């Protein structure tokens, strides 16, 4: 399953679990994932539940386990995340 959404990057400051201050000039906030964000590929566990009410909660839980629950730093992209576009970025998260 792939997750795809559009967002505008912004400047952000936050603290990690070790109370270290982190700053970035291009951060995208991950929206609340709904069914229309999900693209079914038929390869993963979540694809079986793509038409279920449980789909959004399962995907959100998987994103939190990967550390993508709240924000994505575009200067430091995690594995499986691609970004395209100029002003409004299209973010695609694969293998959920």
Protein backbone atom coordinates (compact mmCIF):
# COMPACT_ATOMS: atom_id res chain seq x y z
CA UNK A 1 0.00 0.00 0.00
CA UNK A 2 1.15 3.50 -0.73
CA UNK A 3 0.15 6.66 1.10
CA UNK A 4 0.05 9.85 -0.94
CA UNK A 5 -0.78 13.39 0.19
CA UNK A 6 0.04 17.01 -0.65
CA UNK A 7 1.44 19.50 1.83
CA UNK A 8 3.26 22.81 2.00
CA UNK A 9 6.70 22.72 3.69
CA UNK A 10 7.35 25.09 6.59
CA UNK A 11 10.08 25.95 9.09
CA UNK A 12 9.88 24.06 12.38
CA UNK A 13 11.69 23.56 15.69
CA UNK A 14 11.10 20.53 17.92
CA UNK A 15 12.74 18.40 20.60
CA UNK A 16 13.51 14.70 20.29
CA UNK A 17 13.23 12.11 23.08
CA UNK A 18 16.71 13.06 24.38
CA UNK A 19 15.64 16.74 24.72
CA UNK A 20 17.91 17.76 21.85
CA UNK A 21 16.68 20.77 19.92
CA UNK A 22 16.14 20.08 16.22
CA UNK A 23 15.48 22.69 13.53
CA UNK A 24 14.68 22.39 9.86
CA UNK A 25 13.71 24.85 7.15
CA UNK A 26 11.48 22.36 5.29
CA UNK A 27 9.20 20.18 7.38
CA UNK A 28 5.88 18.68 6.30
CA UNK A 29 3.19 17.78 8.83
CA UNK A 30 1.62 14.37 8.21
CA UNK A 31 -2.19 14.73 8.04
CA UNK A 32 -4.68 12.38 9.66
CA UNK A 33 -4.64 9.51 7.19
CA UNK A 34 -7.99 8.66 5.61
CA UNK A 35 -8.97 6.10 2.96
CA UNK A 36 -8.53 8.55 0.09
CA UNK A 37 -4.80 8.85 0.94
CA UNK A 38 -4.29 5.07 0.51
CA UNK A 39 -3.42 3.44 -2.81
CA UNK A 40 -3.98 -0.33 -2.83
CA UNK A 41 -1.20 -2.43 -4.40
CA UNK A 42 -2.18 -5.87 -3.04
CA UNK A 43 1.25 -6.63 -1.54
CA UNK A 44 1.07 -5.84 2.17
CA UNK A 45 -0.98 -6.73 5.24
CA UNK A 46 -2.87 -3.42 5.22
CA UNK A 47 -4.07 -4.00 1.64
CA UNK A 48 -6.45 -6.72 2.86
CA UNK A 49 -8.25 -4.12 4.97
CA UNK A 50 -8.22 -1.25 2.46
CA UNK A 51 -12.03 -1.12 2.25
CA UNK A 52 -12.50 -1.54 6.00
CA UNK A 53 -13.06 1.11 8.66
CA UNK A 54 -9.92 -0.23 10.37
CA UNK A 55 -7.65 0.80 7.47
CA UNK A 56 -6.95 4.35 8.63
CA UNK A 57 -6.08 3.28 12.17
CA UNK A 58 -3.80 0.46 10.94
CA UNK A 59 -1.93 2.78 8.59
CA UNK A 60 -1.59 5.50 11.24
CA UNK A 61 -0.17 2.94 13.70
CA UNK A 62 2.34 1.71 11.09
CA UNK A 63 3.46 5.28 10.38
CA UNK A 64 4.02 5.93 14.10
CA UNK A 65 6.14 2.77 14.37
CA UNK A 66 8.31 4.08 11.52
CA UNK A 67 8.66 7.50 13.16
CA UNK A 68 6.47 9.26 10.59
CA UNK A 69 3.51 9.94 12.86
CA UNK A 70 3.72 13.73 13.09
CA UNK A 71 6.24 15.27 10.69
CA UNK A 72 8.67 14.51 7.88
CA UNK A 73 11.88 16.48 7.50
CA UNK A 74 12.40 16.95 3.75
CA UNK A 75 16.13 17.59 4.21
CA UNK A 76 16.52 14.19 5.89
CA UNK A 77 14.07 11.80 4.17
CA UNK A 78 13.50 8.37 5.73
CA UNK A 79 13.60 5.19 3.68
CA UNK A 80 10.49 4.62 1.56
CA UNK A 81 9.51 8.30 1.31
CA UNK A 82 9.65 10.22 -1.98
CA UNK A 83 8.86 13.88 -2.60
CA UNK A 84 7.96 15.65 -5.83
CA UNK A 85 6.65 19.07 -6.76
CA UNK A 86 7.73 22.66 -6.24
CA UNK A 87 5.44 24.72 -4.00
CA UNK A 88 2.91 22.10 -2.88
CA UNK A 89 4.93 18.93 -2.32
CA UNK A 90 3.44 15.52 -3.14
CA UNK A 91 4.70 13.06 -0.53
CA UNK A 92 4.50 9.32 -1.25
CA UNK A 93 5.18 6.74 1.47
CA UNK A 94 5.61 3.20 0.12
CA UNK A 95 5.48 -0.30 1.61
CA UNK A 96 2.98 0.35 4.41
